Amino acid sequence: MFTSIVGNVFGFKALRALRLEDLRIPPAYSKTFQGPPHGIQSERDKLNKYGRPLLGCTIKPKLGLSAKNYGRACYECLRGGLDFTKDDENVNSQPFMRWRDRFLFCAEAIYKSQAETGEIKGPLLECYCSYI
């Protein structure tokens, strides 16, 4: 939620000093974020991974890849040993990479990497409501 509101300005190299002095989130808005429906144990159960950290990454670059190349990056990460990949917070559905296409290529990457590694792999795709 923070990144969606403030943006990624704190990571810009061109800015030498930046400080957020105040942020007020309307209660009506914050109530729409109920928190995760389950915890880490549920994720471990789904992935069948215990006794070690879960390893994942955010696919980069977040902008400019086609859905097919995004799926290829997802596959390479999962095939290389990661447990999951994650969309960047603000990827959503772009003209050059629609959400549905990204979903389909990532699903293919997951199934292929699972077949090759024998491990359960997990996707974390950003899915936004119409009001965001």
C-alpha atoms as a PDB file:
ATOM      1  CA  MET A   1       0.000   0.000   0.000  1.00  0.00           C
ATOM      2  CA  PHE A   2       2.823   2.404   0.866  1.00  0.00           C
ATOM      3  CA  THR A   3       4.495   2.042  -2.537  1.00  0.00           C
ATOM      4  CA  SER A   4       1.206   2.575  -4.336  1.00  0.00           C
ATOM      5  CA  ILE A   5       0.560   5.799  -2.429  1.00  0.00           C
ATOM      6  CA  VAL A   6       4.056   7.302  -2.230  1.00  0.00           C
ATOM      7  CA  GLY A   7       5.676   5.648  -5.230  1.00  0.00           C
ATOM      8  CA  ASN A   8       9.265   4.549  -5.599  1.00  0.00           C
ATOM      9  CA  VAL A   9      10.787   8.008  -5.200  1.00  0.00           C
ATOM     10  CA  PHE A  10      12.925   6.949  -2.235  1.00  0.00           C
ATOM     11  CA  GLY A  11      14.967   4.745  -4.554  1.00  0.00           C
ATOM     12  CA  PHE A  12      15.740   7.424  -7.150  1.00  0.00           C
ATOM     13  CA  LYS A  13      19.484   8.065  -7.327  1.00  0.00           C
ATOM     14  CA  ALA A  14      18.910  11.634  -8.513  1.00  0.00           C
ATOM     15  CA  LEU A  15      17.379  12.517  -5.138  1.00  0.00           C
ATOM     16  CA  ARG A  16      20.038  13.044  -2.514  1.00  0.00           C
ATOM     17  CA  ALA A  17      17.752  13.782   0.405  1.00  0.00           C
ATOM     18  CA  LEU A  18      14.082  13.066   0.793  1.00  0.00           C
ATOM     19  CA  ARG A  19      12.026  12.710   3.921  1.00  0.00           C
ATOM     20  CA  LEU A  20       8.376  11.818   4.304  1.00  0.00           C
ATOM     21  CA  GLU A  21       7.122  13.993   7.139  1.00  0.00           C
ATOM     22  CA  ASP A  22       3.484  13.043   7.306  1.00  0.00           C
ATOM     23  CA  LEU A  23       1.155  10.474   5.821  1.00  0.00           C
ATOM     24  CA  ARG A  24      -2.477  10.221   6.758  1.00  0.00           C
ATOM     25  CA  ILE A  25      -4.519   7.347   5.434  1.00  0.00           C
ATOM     26  CA  PRO A  26      -8.292   7.731   5.688  1.00  0.00           C
ATOM     27  CA  PRO A  27      -9.782   5.035   7.935  1.00  0.00           C
ATOM     28  CA  ALA A  28     -12.288   4.096   5.228  1.00  0.00           C
ATOM     29  CA  TYR A  29      -9.384   3.374   2.863  1.00  0.00           C
ATOM     30  CA  SER A  30      -7.275   1.444   5.371  1.00  0.00           C
ATOM     31  CA  LYS A  31     -10.270  -0.740   6.288  1.00  0.00           C
ATOM     32  CA  THR A  32     -10.283  -2.084   2.721  1.00  0.00           C
ATOM     33  CA  PHE A  33      -6.948  -3.804   3.509  1.00  0.00           C
ATOM     34  CA  GLN A  34      -7.926  -6.711   5.723  1.00  0.00           C
ATOM     35  CA  GLY A  35      -4.461  -8.273   5.821  1.00  0.00           C
ATOM     36  CA  PRO A  36      -3.438 -11.696   4.621  1.00  0.00           C
ATOM     37  CA  PRO A  37      -6.056 -14.441   4.935  1.00  0.00           C
ATOM     38  CA  HIS A  38      -3.382 -16.907   6.088  1.00  0.00           C
ATOM     39  CA  GLY A  39       0.149 -16.936   7.401  1.00  0.00           C
ATOM     40  CA  ILE A  40       3.567 -18.388   6.670  1.00  0.00           C
ATOM     41  CA  GLN A  41       2.561 -21.884   7.779  1.00  0.00           C
ATOM     42  CA  SER A  42      -0.132 -21.984   5.107  1.00  0.00           C
ATOM     43  CA  GLU A  43       2.433 -20.923   2.475  1.00  0.00           C
ATOM     44  CA  ARG A  44       4.846 -23.609   3.654  1.00  0.00           C
ATOM     45  CA  ASP A  45       2.064 -26.192   3.458  1.00  0.00           C
ATOM     46  CA  LYS A  46       1.130 -25.147  -0.095  1.00  0.00           C
ATOM     47  CA  LEU A  47       4.749 -25.246  -1.262  1.00  0.00           C
ATOM     48  CA  ASN A  48       5.699 -28.269   0.875  1.00  0.00           C
ATOM     49  CA  LYS A  49       8.805 -26.400   2.072  1.00  0.00           C
ATOM     50  CA  TYR A  50       9.877 -26.715   5.695  1.00  0.00           C
ATOM     51  CA  GLY A  51      13.009 -26.153   7.752  1.00  0.00           C
ATOM     52  CA  ARG A  52      14.480 -23.463   5.535  1.00  0.00           C
ATOM     53  CA  PRO A  53      13.693 -19.973   4.291  1.00  0.00           C
ATOM     54  CA  LEU A  54      11.376 -19.615   1.320  1.00  0.00           C
ATOM     55  CA  LEU A  55      13.346 -18.105  -1.557  1.00  0.00           C
ATOM     56  CA  GLY A  56      11.795 -15.763  -4.073  1.00  0.00           C
ATOM     57  CA  CYS A  57      12.403 -12.701  -6.174  1.00  0.00           C
ATOM     58  CA  THR A  58      10.677  -9.818  -7.879  1.00  0.00           C
ATOM     59  CA  ILE A  59      10.904 -10.001 -11.665  1.00  0.00           C
ATOM     60  CA  LYS A  60      12.905  -7.073 -13.052  1.00  0.00           C
ATOM     61  CA  PRO A  61      12.749  -4.998 -15.095  1.00  0.00           C
ATOM     62  CA  LYS A  62       9.151  -4.436 -14.153  1.00  0.00           C
ATOM     63  CA  LEU A  63       8.447  -2.405 -17.276  1.00  0.00           C
ATOM     64  CA  GLY A  64       9.354  -3.129 -20.873  1.00  0.00           C
ATOM     65  CA  LEU A  65       9.225  -6.912 -20.954  1.00  0.00           C
ATOM     66  CA  SER A  66       6.614  -8.607 -23.103  1.00  0.00           C
ATOM     67  CA  ALA A  67       4.378 -11.114 -21.324  1.00  0.00           C
ATOM     68  CA  LYS A  68       6.298 -13.936 -23.016  1.00  0.00           C
ATOM     69  CA  ASN A  69       9.682 -12.618 -21.847  1.00  0.00           C
ATOM     70  CA  TYR A  70       8.268 -12.002 -18.375  1.00  0.00           C
ATOM     71  CA  GLY A  71       7.166 -15.642 -18.297  1.00  0.00           C
ATOM     72  CA  ARG A  72      10.612 -16.709 -19.492  1.00  0.00           C
ATOM     73  CA  ALA A  73      12.230 -14.748 -16.644  1.00  0.00           C
ATOM     74  CA  CYS A  74       9.800 -16.377 -14.215  1.00  0.00           C
ATOM     75  CA  TYR A  75      10.719 -19.832 -15.534  1.00  0.00           C
ATOM     76  CA  GLU A  76      14.461 -19.189 -15.297  1.00  0.00           C
ATOM     77  CA  CYS A  77      14.125 -18.046 -11.687  1.00  0.00           C
ATOM     78  CA  LEU A  78      12.009 -21.031 -10.666  1.00  0.00           C
ATOM     79  CA  ARG A  79      14.099 -23.540 -12.610  1.00  0.00           C
ATOM     80  CA  GLY A  80      17.187 -22.022 -10.998  1.00  0.00           C
ATOM     81  CA  GLY A  81      15.971 -22.917  -7.515  1.00  0.00           C
ATOM     82  CA  LEU A  82      13.657 -20.188  -6.285  1.00  0.00           C
ATOM     83  CA  ASP A  83      10.382 -21.188  -4.646  1.00  0.00           C
ATOM     84  CA  PHE A  84       8.324 -18.318  -6.046  1.00  0.00           C
ATOM     85  CA  THR A  85       8.458 -15.180  -8.130  1.00  0.00           C
ATOM     86  CA  LYS A  86       6.603 -11.974  -7.402  1.00  0.00           C
ATOM     87  CA  ASP A  87       5.259  -9.166  -9.528  1.00  0.00           C
ATOM     88  CA  ASP A  88       6.546  -5.705  -8.734  1.00  0.00           C
ATOM     89  CA  GLU A  89       3.945  -3.753  -6.740  1.00  0.00           C
ATOM     90  CA  ASN A  90       2.764  -1.553  -9.578  1.00  0.00           C
ATOM     91  CA  VAL A  91       3.044  -3.798 -12.650  1.00  0.00           C
ATOM     92  CA  ASN A  92      -0.737  -4.308 -13.062  1.00  0.00           C
ATOM     93  CA  SER A  93      -1.903  -4.563 -16.703  1.00  0.00           C
ATOM     94  CA  GLN A  94       0.156  -2.577 -19.226  1.00  0.00           C
ATOM     95  CA  PRO A  95      -0.555  -2.182 -22.978  1.00  0.00           C
ATOM     96  CA  PHE A  96       2.644  -4.141 -23.764  1.00  0.00           C
ATOM     97  CA  MET A  97       1.981  -6.811 -21.112  1.00  0.00           C
ATOM     98  CA  ARG A  98      -1.645  -7.479 -20.247  1.00  0.00           C
ATOM     99  CA  TRP A  99      -2.371  -9.199 -16.946  1.00  0.00           C
ATOM    100  CA  ARG A 100      -4.090 -12.191 -18.556  1.00  0.00           C
ATOM    101  CA  ASP A 101      -1.165 -12.808 -20.905  1.00  0.00           C
ATOM    102  CA  ARG A 102       1.328 -12.483 -18.042  1.00  0.00           C
ATOM    103  CA  PHE A 103      -0.762 -14.911 -15.997  1.00  0.00           C
ATOM    104  CA  LEU A 104      -0.788 -17.497 -18.799  1.00  0.00           C
ATOM    105  CA  PHE A 105       2.956 -17.289 -19.474  1.00  0.00           C
ATOM    106  CA  CYS A 106       3.743 -17.413 -15.747  1.00  0.00           C
ATOM    107  CA  ALA A 107       1.432 -20.412 -15.306  1.00  0.00           C
ATOM    108  CA  GLU A 108       3.293 -22.175 -18.118  1.00  0.00           C
ATOM    109  CA  ALA A 109       6.605 -21.314 -16.433  1.00  0.00           C
ATOM    110  CA  ILE A 110       5.387 -22.703 -13.124  1.00  0.00           C
ATOM    111  CA  TYR A 111       4.112 -25.983 -14.597  1.00  0.00           C
ATOM    112  CA  LYS A 112       7.295 -26.459 -16.639  1.00  0.00           C
ATOM    113  CA  SER A 113       9.641 -25.715 -13.720  1.00  0.00           C
ATOM    114  CA  GLN A 114       7.643 -27.989 -11.403  1.00  0.00           C
ATOM    115  CA  ALA A 115       7.848 -30.841 -13.922  1.00  0.00           C
ATOM    116  CA  GLU A 116      11.606 -30.363 -14.305  1.00  0.00           C
ATOM    117  CA  THR A 117      12.493 -29.913 -10.632  1.00  0.00           C
ATOM    118  CA  GLY A 118       9.881 -32.085  -8.940  1.00  0.00           C
ATOM    119  CA  GLU A 119       9.197 -29.201  -6.541  1.00  0.00           C
ATOM    120  CA  ILE A 120       6.076 -27.142  -5.979  1.00  0.00           C
ATOM    121  CA  LYS A 121       6.566 -23.563  -7.171  1.00  0.00           C
ATOM    122  CA  GLY A 122       4.448 -20.530  -6.372  1.00  0.00           C
ATOM    123  CA  PRO A 123       3.480 -17.382  -8.245  1.00  0.00           C
ATOM    124  CA  LEU A 124       2.600 -14.088  -6.630  1.00  0.00           C
ATOM    125  CA  LEU A 125       0.843 -12.040  -9.302  1.00  0.00           C
ATOM    126  CA  GLU A 126      -0.468  -8.570  -8.569  1.00  0.00           C
ATOM    127  CA  CYS A 127      -4.211  -8.337  -9.070  1.00  0.00           C
ATOM    128  CA  TYR A 128      -5.845  -4.969  -8.608  1.00  0.00           C
ATOM    129  CA  CYS A 129      -9.454  -4.000  -8.084  1.00  0.00           C
ATOM    130  CA  SER A 130     -11.055  -1.454 -10.376  1.00  0.00           C
ATOM    131  CA  TYR A 131     -10.789   1.336  -7.769  1.00  0.00           C
ATOM    132  CA  ILE A 132      -6.980   1.260  -7.561  1.00  0.00           C
END
